Amino acid sequence: MQVRDLFGVRSCDLTPPSVRHAARVLYAPFSHDSGISALCASVLSPPELQRADRYTAKNDKALFLQRRAFRRYCGVTALGSSQPLTEILFEETGSGRPYLGESPNLRFSFSSFRFGMLGAWSSAHGIGVDVEDQSKNLDTVELARQFFSVTEAQAVEEARGRQRLQTFYRYWSLKEAALKSIGEGLPFGLDAFEFELNPSPRVVAAPPDFGGASRFNACAIEGTGGCAALVIRDL
């Protein structure tokens, strides 16, 4: 089986219906099968394989191999190309945003966690995706006070039981996705964006230099087993 066929079978389209006109989102589950990891390694470059070898934990190395191969699969799918995956070469901006040198107008975003990988792209919008493992227990109230707006932190604090953890991760995933949609990472600041969660995710504050909240559209992504979000930005 080729890697393209592998992901053609294993991946699924999780694009939220409201943004199908603007973006596409694919998800592929992580596999513990060493044969699948070896197959994914066959399409990677020597520098990528060297990076993989730096991982000491077996599952961490396998996830790196699979997510890099999945990234190439998303690239060739977005291009509608019959190129071998070995020829799909991503570059990165200074802030880490991946792009294809042969098609710089295609904007990509990727995220992964221990259960799988998300890939998203758009030819007309800035785009960001994030997926978080919401089973990890954290001091959510303290983190929310440190990184979220006052309103968001209050929403986390007022939630009870399991709902508190879920509320925290919904905000966090949306904020990371929003930062990626402007080509930035966490150093830019999670407080650069503010969200409302109910009845559905909505950007209520965004950096003026990027057009403000009205330029952004936020969605929850269902079907990953984690807490996942997509944010797209009108250019």
Protein backbone atom coordinates (compact mmCIF):
# COMPACT_ATOMS: atom_id res chain seq x y z
CA MET A 1 0.00 0.00 0.00
CA GLN A 2 1.23 3.50 -0.82
CA VAL A 3 1.06 6.33 1.69
CA ARG A 4 -1.45 8.19 -0.48
CA ASP A 5 -3.72 5.14 -0.44
CA LEU A 6 -3.19 4.72 3.29
CA PHE A 7 -4.45 8.19 4.13
CA GLY A 8 -7.11 7.99 1.45
CA VAL A 9 -8.62 5.14 3.45
CA ARG A 10 -7.83 6.29 7.00
CA SER A 11 -8.51 10.02 6.82
CA CYS A 12 -11.94 11.63 6.98
CA ASP A 13 -13.31 15.04 6.05
CA LEU A 14 -14.32 17.01 9.17
CA THR A 15 -14.89 20.36 7.48
CA PRO A 16 -17.70 22.18 9.34
CA PRO A 17 -20.65 22.60 6.93
CA SER A 18 -20.77 26.38 7.41
CA VAL A 19 -17.29 26.88 5.92
CA ARG A 20 -17.18 24.24 3.17
CA HIS A 21 -17.11 27.06 0.62
CA ALA A 22 -13.92 28.46 2.16
CA ALA A 23 -11.79 25.65 3.60
CA ARG A 24 -11.23 21.94 3.97
CA VAL A 25 -10.30 20.01 7.10
CA LEU A 26 -9.04 16.42 7.17
CA TYR A 27 -8.42 14.20 10.18
CA ALA A 28 -6.37 11.00 10.37
CA PRO A 29 -6.16 8.83 13.50
CA PHE A 30 -2.79 7.91 14.94
CA SER A 31 -1.81 4.26 14.50
CA HIS A 32 0.37 2.20 16.85
CA ASP A 33 1.14 -0.15 13.93
CA SER A 34 4.90 0.01 13.32
CA GLY A 35 4.33 -0.96 9.69
CA ILE A 36 2.29 2.19 9.11
CA SER A 37 4.99 4.34 10.68
CA ALA A 38 7.62 2.69 8.48
CA LEU A 39 5.49 3.33 5.41
CA CYS A 40 5.12 6.99 6.39
CA ALA A 41 8.88 7.26 6.90
CA SER A 42 9.40 6.16 3.28
CA VAL A 43 8.13 9.50 1.93
CA LEU A 44 10.04 11.78 4.29
CA SER A 45 13.25 13.67 3.64
CA PRO A 46 16.60 12.88 5.33
CA PRO A 47 16.29 15.96 7.63
CA GLU A 48 12.82 14.83 8.69
CA LEU A 49 14.09 11.34 9.44
CA GLN A 50 16.92 12.81 11.45
CA ARG A 51 14.42 14.83 13.47
CA ALA A 52 12.36 11.69 14.03
CA ASP A 53 15.40 9.91 15.45
CA ARG A 54 15.71 12.56 18.16
CA TYR A 55 12.53 11.31 19.80
CA THR A 56 13.29 8.86 22.58
CA ALA A 57 9.70 7.69 23.17
CA LYS A 58 8.44 5.21 20.58
CA ASN A 59 4.97 6.75 20.27
CA ASP A 60 6.38 10.27 19.95
CA LYS A 61 8.58 9.19 17.06
CA ALA A 62 5.72 7.32 15.39
CA LEU A 63 3.44 10.35 15.69
CA PHE A 64 6.08 12.59 14.13
CA LEU A 65 6.52 10.23 11.17
CA GLN A 66 2.78 9.90 10.63
CA ARG A 67 1.98 13.60 10.93
CA ARG A 68 4.75 14.58 8.50
CA ALA A 69 3.52 12.05 5.95
CA PHE A 70 -0.05 13.25 6.54
CA ARG A 71 1.08 16.82 5.92
CA ARG A 72 2.38 15.78 2.50
CA TYR A 73 -0.88 13.96 1.80
CA CYS A 74 -2.83 17.12 2.61
CA GLY A 75 -0.50 19.08 0.35
CA VAL A 76 -1.00 16.84 -2.65
CA THR A 77 -4.76 16.70 -2.01
CA ALA A 78 -4.99 20.49 -1.83
CA LEU A 79 -3.06 20.79 -5.08
CA GLY A 80 -5.16 18.12 -6.79
CA SER A 81 -1.85 16.73 -7.97
CA SER A 82 -0.61 13.29 -8.96
CA GLN A 83 2.92 14.12 -7.76
CA PRO A 84 4.67 11.59 -5.53
CA LEU A 85 4.46 12.61 -1.89
CA THR A 86 8.25 12.84 -1.78
CA GLU A 87 7.97 15.87 -4.08
CA ILE A 88 5.55 17.76 -1.81
CA LEU A 89 7.96 20.06 0.01
CA PHE A 90 6.67 22.35 2.72
CA GLU A 91 8.59 25.38 3.84
CA GLU A 92 7.94 27.47 6.94
CA THR A 93 7.73 31.17 7.68
CA GLY A 94 9.72 32.67 10.53
CA SER A 95 6.79 32.10 12.87
CA GLY A 96 6.43 28.47 11.77
CA ARG A 97 3.48 28.67 9.36
CA PRO A 98 3.85 25.90 6.74
CA TYR A 99 3.43 26.70 3.05
CA LEU A 100 4.17 25.18 -0.34
CA GLY A 101 6.73 27.17 -2.30
CA GLU A 102 5.10 26.10 -5.56
CA SER A 103 1.70 27.39 -4.45
CA PRO A 104 2.14 30.16 -1.84
CA ASN A 105 -1.49 31.28 -2.15
CA LEU A 106 -2.63 28.02 -0.55
CA ARG A 107 -2.67 28.49 3.21
CA PHE A 108 -2.26 25.48 5.48
CA SER A 109 -2.56 24.69 9.15
CA PHE A 110 -1.80 21.48 11.03
CA SER A 111 -2.21 20.17 14.55
CA SER A 112 -1.85 16.82 16.28
CA PHE A 113 -2.32 15.10 19.60
CA ARG A 114 -1.85 11.56 20.86
CA PHE A 115 -4.94 10.26 19.05
CA GLY A 116 -4.51 11.79 15.62
CA MET A 117 -3.74 14.62 13.22
CA LEU A 118 -5.63 17.53 11.70
CA GLY A 119 -4.79 19.26 8.43
CA ALA A 120 -6.61 22.25 6.94
CA TRP A 121 -6.17 24.51 3.95
CA SER A 122 -7.77 27.37 2.05
CA SER A 123 -6.96 29.23 -1.15
CA ALA A 124 -8.89 32.36 -0.19
CA HIS A 125 -8.66 32.73 3.60
CA GLY A 126 -6.18 32.72 6.41
CA ILE A 127 -6.68 29.47 8.30
CA GLY A 128 -5.85 27.85 11.61
CA VAL A 129 -6.70 24.56 13.29
CA ASP A 130 -5.88 23.20 16.72
CA VAL A 131 -6.69 19.99 18.55
CA GLU A 132 -6.13 19.43 22.27
CA ASP A 133 -6.23 16.39 24.52
CA GLN A 134 -9.01 17.41 26.89
CA SER A 135 -8.36 14.44 29.16
CA LYS A 136 -5.27 16.18 30.59
CA ASN A 137 -5.97 17.64 34.01
CA LEU A 138 -4.64 21.16 34.51
CA ASP A 139 -5.08 24.02 36.93
CA THR A 140 -7.54 25.51 34.48
CA VAL A 141 -8.67 28.43 36.64
CA GLU A 142 -5.15 29.72 37.21
CA LEU A 143 -4.17 29.26 33.56
CA ALA A 144 -7.33 31.00 32.38
CA ARG A 145 -6.66 33.96 34.67
CA GLN A 146 -3.14 34.18 33.28
CA PHE A 147 -3.83 33.82 29.56
CA PHE A 148 -7.53 34.53 28.89
CA SER A 149 -9.69 37.63 29.03
CA VAL A 150 -11.52 38.43 32.26
CA THR A 151 -14.82 37.25 30.75
CA GLU A 152 -13.33 33.99 29.47
CA ALA A 153 -11.57 33.28 32.77
CA GLN A 154 -14.83 33.87 34.62
CA ALA A 155 -16.61 31.39 32.32
CA VAL A 156 -13.98 28.75 33.12
CA GLU A 157 -14.22 29.43 36.84
CA GLU A 158 -18.02 29.25 36.87
CA ALA A 159 -18.11 25.90 35.06
CA ARG A 160 -18.34 22.86 37.30
CA GLY A 161 -16.77 19.40 37.24
CA ARG A 162 -15.81 18.02 33.85
CA GLN A 163 -17.44 20.99 32.16
CA ARG A 164 -14.73 23.29 33.54
CA LEU A 165 -11.96 21.35 31.79
CA GLN A 166 -13.94 21.22 28.55
CA THR A 167 -14.64 24.96 28.67
CA PHE A 168 -10.96 25.70 29.20
CA TYR A 169 -9.87 23.55 26.25
CA ARG A 170 -12.55 24.99 23.97
CA TYR A 171 -11.16 28.46 24.58
CA TRP A 172 -7.55 27.31 24.28
CA SER A 173 -8.07 25.46 20.99
CA LEU A 174 -9.95 28.42 19.50
CA LYS A 175 -7.22 30.84 20.53
CA GLU A 176 -4.44 28.69 19.07
CA ALA A 177 -6.40 28.25 15.85
CA ALA A 178 -6.97 32.02 15.66
CA LEU A 179 -3.26 32.75 16.10
CA LYS A 180 -2.44 30.32 13.32
CA SER A 181 -4.99 32.02 11.06
CA ILE A 182 -2.88 35.19 11.20
CA GLY A 183 0.37 33.27 10.81
CA GLU A 184 1.43 33.67 14.43
CA GLY A 185 2.16 31.35 17.35
CA LEU A 186 1.72 31.43 21.12
CA PRO A 187 4.32 34.19 21.70
CA PHE A 188 1.91 36.61 19.99
CA GLY A 189 -0.38 36.15 22.99
CA LEU A 190 -3.50 34.09 23.66
CA ASP A 191 -5.20 37.25 24.89
CA ALA A 192 -5.00 38.75 21.38
CA PHE A 193 -8.38 37.12 20.70
CA GLU A 194 -11.51 36.85 22.80
CA PHE A 195 -14.31 34.35 22.18
CA GLU A 196 -17.85 33.55 23.16
CA LEU A 197 -18.73 29.85 23.21
CA ASN A 198 -22.54 29.81 23.30
CA PRO A 199 -24.63 29.11 21.38
CA SER A 200 -21.67 28.52 19.04
CA PRO A 201 -18.07 29.78 18.96
CA ARG A 202 -17.73 33.40 17.94
CA VAL A 203 -14.81 35.84 17.84
CA VAL A 204 -15.73 38.95 19.83
CA ALA A 205 -12.32 40.65 19.85
CA ALA A 206 -9.34 40.36 17.51
CA PRO A 207 -6.21 42.41 16.73
CA PRO A 208 -7.13 45.61 14.85
CA ASP A 209 -4.13 45.17 12.56
CA PHE A 210 -5.85 42.07 11.17
CA GLY A 211 -9.24 43.68 10.64
CA GLY A 212 -10.93 43.08 13.98
CA ALA A 213 -13.45 40.43 14.99
CA SER A 214 -15.70 40.77 11.94
CA ARG A 215 -12.98 39.33 9.69
CA PHE A 216 -12.88 36.00 11.57
CA ASN A 217 -15.13 32.94 11.58
CA ALA A 218 -14.73 30.30 14.30
CA CYS A 219 -16.02 26.72 14.36
CA ALA A 220 -15.78 23.70 16.60
CA ILE A 221 -14.54 20.55 14.83
CA GLU A 222 -16.32 17.37 15.85
CA GLY A 223 -15.05 13.83 15.43
CA THR A 224 -11.43 13.88 16.62
CA GLY A 225 -11.92 12.52 20.12
CA GLY A 226 -10.31 15.70 21.43
CA CYS A 227 -11.22 19.37 21.58
CA ALA A 228 -10.65 20.85 18.12
CA ALA A 229 -11.30 24.20 16.51
CA LEU A 230 -11.03 25.95 13.15
CA VAL A 231 -10.68 29.69 12.59
CA ILE A 232 -10.67 31.30 9.16
CA ARG A 233 -9.85 34.94 8.36
CA ASP A 234 -11.04 37.07 5.47
CA LEU A 235 -7.99 38.42 3.68
